[in-house]
Amino acid sequence: MVDDYIGHGKRRLSELAEAMGRVGVTWHSSIRVSDITEELAGILERGGCNSLLLGVESASRDVQQGVLL
């Protein structure tokens, strides 16, 4: 399973991870760096999440251009 963005709330994430862990499915998703915590990473790992793509956003044109280089 792929969830394109999982950072919509800790309660939802905990429930999803628990359900996925019960059925033994491995999965991955994306999350903003500002939304992840060590506790949340542990919850997701126990629920079968085997990778997270971390997203960084900026309104600064200079930062955006620097990322593309």
N, C-alpha and C. Protein backbone atom coordinates (compact mmCIF):
# COMPACT_ATOMS: atom_id res chain seq x y z
N MET A 1 0.83 -1.17 0.00
CA MET A 1 0.00 0.00 0.00
C MET A 1 0.88 1.24 0.00
N VAL A 2 0.43 2.28 -0.67
CA VAL A 2 1.11 3.57 -0.65
C VAL A 2 0.09 4.63 -0.27
N ASP A 3 0.42 5.43 0.71
CA ASP A 3 -0.39 6.59 1.10
C ASP A 3 0.46 7.78 0.73
N ASP A 4 -0.03 8.66 -0.16
CA ASP A 4 0.81 9.72 -0.68
C ASP A 4 1.14 10.81 0.33
N TYR A 5 0.37 10.93 1.38
CA TYR A 5 0.73 11.85 2.47
C TYR A 5 0.03 11.39 3.74
N ILE A 6 0.81 11.07 4.72
CA ILE A 6 0.26 10.46 5.92
C ILE A 6 0.16 11.39 7.12
N GLY A 7 0.61 12.61 6.99
CA GLY A 7 0.68 13.50 8.14
C GLY A 7 -0.60 14.26 8.46
N HIS A 8 -1.73 13.59 8.42
CA HIS A 8 -3.00 14.27 8.66
C HIS A 8 -3.51 14.18 10.09
N GLY A 9 -2.68 13.82 11.00
CA GLY A 9 -3.10 13.76 12.40
C GLY A 9 -2.62 12.51 13.08
N LYS A 10 -2.13 12.68 14.29
CA LYS A 10 -1.54 11.57 15.03
C LYS A 10 -2.55 10.46 15.30
N ARG A 11 -3.78 10.82 15.62
CA ARG A 11 -4.79 9.79 15.91
C ARG A 11 -5.04 8.91 14.69
N ARG A 12 -5.22 9.55 13.54
CA ARG A 12 -5.44 8.80 12.31
C ARG A 12 -4.25 7.89 12.01
N LEU A 13 -3.07 8.42 12.18
CA LEU A 13 -1.86 7.65 11.91
C LEU A 13 -1.75 6.45 12.84
N SER A 14 -2.02 6.67 14.11
CA SER A 14 -1.94 5.57 15.08
C SER A 14 -2.93 4.48 14.74
N GLU A 15 -4.16 4.86 14.40
CA GLU A 15 -5.19 3.88 14.04
C GLU A 15 -4.82 3.12 12.77
N LEU A 16 -4.33 3.85 11.78
CA LEU A 16 -3.92 3.22 10.52
C LEU A 16 -2.76 2.25 10.76
N ALA A 17 -1.75 2.68 11.49
CA ALA A 17 -0.60 1.83 11.76
C ALA A 17 -1.00 0.57 12.52
N GLU A 18 -1.88 0.73 13.49
CA GLU A 18 -2.34 -0.43 14.26
C GLU A 18 -3.06 -1.42 13.36
N ALA A 19 -3.95 -0.93 12.50
CA ALA A 19 -4.69 -1.80 11.59
C ALA A 19 -3.76 -2.49 10.59
N MET A 20 -2.81 -1.74 10.05
CA MET A 20 -1.88 -2.33 9.08
C MET A 20 -0.99 -3.37 9.76
N GLY A 21 -0.58 -3.10 10.98
CA GLY A 21 0.23 -4.06 11.72
C GLY A 21 -0.52 -5.36 11.98
N ARG A 22 -1.82 -5.26 12.24
CA ARG A 22 -2.62 -6.46 12.50
C ARG A 22 -2.69 -7.37 11.28
N VAL A 23 -2.76 -6.79 10.09
CA VAL A 23 -2.85 -7.62 8.89
C VAL A 23 -1.48 -7.95 8.29
N GLY A 24 -0.43 -7.35 8.83
CA GLY A 24 0.92 -7.69 8.42
C GLY A 24 1.34 -7.12 7.06
N VAL A 25 0.74 -6.00 6.68
CA VAL A 25 1.07 -5.38 5.41
C VAL A 25 2.22 -4.39 5.61
N THR A 26 3.19 -4.41 4.70
CA THR A 26 4.22 -3.38 4.74
C THR A 26 3.82 -2.27 3.77
N TRP A 27 4.22 -1.08 4.08
CA TRP A 27 3.80 0.07 3.29
C TRP A 27 4.76 1.22 3.47
N HIS A 28 4.60 2.25 2.64
CA HIS A 28 5.42 3.46 2.78
C HIS A 28 4.56 4.67 2.43
N SER A 29 5.04 5.84 2.80
CA SER A 29 4.29 7.06 2.57
C SER A 29 5.22 8.27 2.58
N SER A 30 4.62 9.43 2.46
CA SER A 30 5.33 10.71 2.53
C SER A 30 4.81 11.50 3.72
N ILE A 31 5.70 12.33 4.29
CA ILE A 31 5.30 13.17 5.40
C ILE A 31 6.21 14.40 5.42
N ARG A 32 5.67 15.50 5.85
CA ARG A 32 6.49 16.70 5.99
C ARG A 32 7.42 16.54 7.18
N VAL A 33 8.62 17.07 7.05
CA VAL A 33 9.60 16.99 8.13
C VAL A 33 9.03 17.58 9.41
N SER A 34 8.25 18.64 9.29
CA SER A 34 7.69 19.30 10.48
C SER A 34 6.62 18.46 11.18
N ASP A 35 6.12 17.40 10.53
CA ASP A 35 5.06 16.57 11.12
C ASP A 35 5.56 15.30 11.78
N ILE A 36 6.81 14.93 11.57
CA ILE A 36 7.31 13.66 12.12
C ILE A 36 8.00 13.88 13.47
N THR A 37 7.76 12.95 14.37
CA THR A 37 8.43 12.94 15.67
C THR A 37 9.02 11.55 15.87
N GLU A 38 9.90 11.42 16.82
CA GLU A 38 10.47 10.11 17.12
C GLU A 38 9.37 9.14 17.55
N GLU A 39 8.44 9.63 18.36
CA GLU A 39 7.33 8.79 18.81
C GLU A 39 6.49 8.32 17.62
N LEU A 40 6.16 9.23 16.73
CA LEU A 40 5.34 8.89 15.56
C LEU A 40 6.09 7.92 14.64
N ALA A 41 7.38 8.11 14.46
CA ALA A 41 8.17 7.20 13.65
C ALA A 41 8.10 5.78 14.22
N GLY A 42 8.16 5.65 15.53
CA GLY A 42 8.06 4.33 16.17
C GLY A 42 6.70 3.70 15.95
N ILE A 43 5.64 4.50 16.05
CA ILE A 43 4.28 4.00 15.82
C ILE A 43 4.16 3.47 14.39
N LEU A 44 4.66 4.25 13.44
CA LEU A 44 4.58 3.85 12.04
C LEU A 44 5.40 2.59 11.78
N GLU A 45 6.60 2.52 12.34
CA GLU A 45 7.44 1.34 12.16
C GLU A 45 6.76 0.09 12.70
N ARG A 46 6.21 0.17 13.89
CA ARG A 46 5.51 -0.98 14.47
C ARG A 46 4.31 -1.38 13.64
N GLY A 47 3.75 -0.42 12.90
CA GLY A 47 2.59 -0.70 12.05
C GLY A 47 2.95 -1.19 10.66
N GLY A 48 4.23 -1.43 10.39
CA GLY A 48 4.62 -2.00 9.11
C GLY A 48 5.13 -1.00 8.10
N CYS A 49 5.21 0.28 8.47
CA CYS A 49 5.75 1.28 7.55
C CYS A 49 7.26 1.05 7.44
N ASN A 50 7.72 0.76 6.22
CA ASN A 50 9.14 0.46 6.06
C ASN A 50 9.94 1.60 5.44
N SER A 51 9.27 2.68 5.03
CA SER A 51 10.00 3.86 4.57
C SER A 51 9.09 5.08 4.52
N LEU A 52 9.70 6.22 4.77
CA LEU A 52 9.00 7.51 4.68
C LEU A 52 9.80 8.43 3.78
N LEU A 53 9.12 9.08 2.88
CA LEU A 53 9.74 10.12 2.07
C LEU A 53 9.48 11.43 2.81
N LEU A 54 10.53 12.14 3.14
CA LEU A 54 10.40 13.37 3.91
C LEU A 54 10.35 14.57 2.98
N GLY A 55 9.31 15.38 3.14
CA GLY A 55 9.14 16.55 2.30
C GLY A 55 9.49 17.83 3.03
N VAL A 56 10.15 18.72 2.30
CA VAL A 56 10.51 20.03 2.83
C VAL A 56 9.89 21.07 1.90
N GLU A 57 9.21 22.05 2.47
CA GLU A 57 8.58 23.08 1.66
C GLU A 57 9.15 24.44 2.03
N SER A 58 9.21 25.31 1.05
CA SER A 58 9.67 26.67 1.29
C SER A 58 9.04 27.60 0.27
N ALA A 59 8.66 28.78 0.72
CA ALA A 59 8.15 29.80 -0.18
C ALA A 59 9.28 30.63 -0.78
N SER A 60 10.48 30.43 -0.29
CA SER A 60 11.64 31.19 -0.76
C SER A 60 12.10 30.66 -2.12
N ARG A 61 12.11 31.51 -3.11
CA ARG A 61 12.56 31.13 -4.45
C ARG A 61 14.03 30.68 -4.43
N ASP A 62 14.86 31.32 -3.64
CA ASP A 62 16.26 30.94 -3.54
C ASP A 62 16.42 29.51 -3.00
N VAL A 63 15.64 29.19 -1.98
CA VAL A 63 15.69 27.84 -1.41
C VAL A 63 15.18 26.82 -2.43
N GLN A 64 14.09 27.12 -3.11
CA GLN A 64 13.55 26.23 -4.13
C GLN A 64 14.58 25.96 -5.22
N GLN A 65 15.25 26.99 -5.68
CA GLN A 65 16.26 26.82 -6.72
C GLN A 65 17.46 26.02 -6.21
N GLY A 66 17.84 26.22 -4.97
CA GLY A 66 18.95 25.49 -4.38
C GLY A 66 18.67 24.00 -4.29
N VAL A 67 17.43 23.64 -4.02
CA VAL A 67 17.06 22.23 -3.93
C VAL A 67 17.14 21.57 -5.30
N LEU A 68 16.82 22.30 -6.34
CA LEU A 68 16.82 21.75 -7.69
C LEU A 68 18.22 21.56 -8.25
N LEU A 69 19.21 22.20 -7.67
CA LEU A 69 20.58 22.07 -8.21
C LEU A 69 21.25 20.80 -7.85
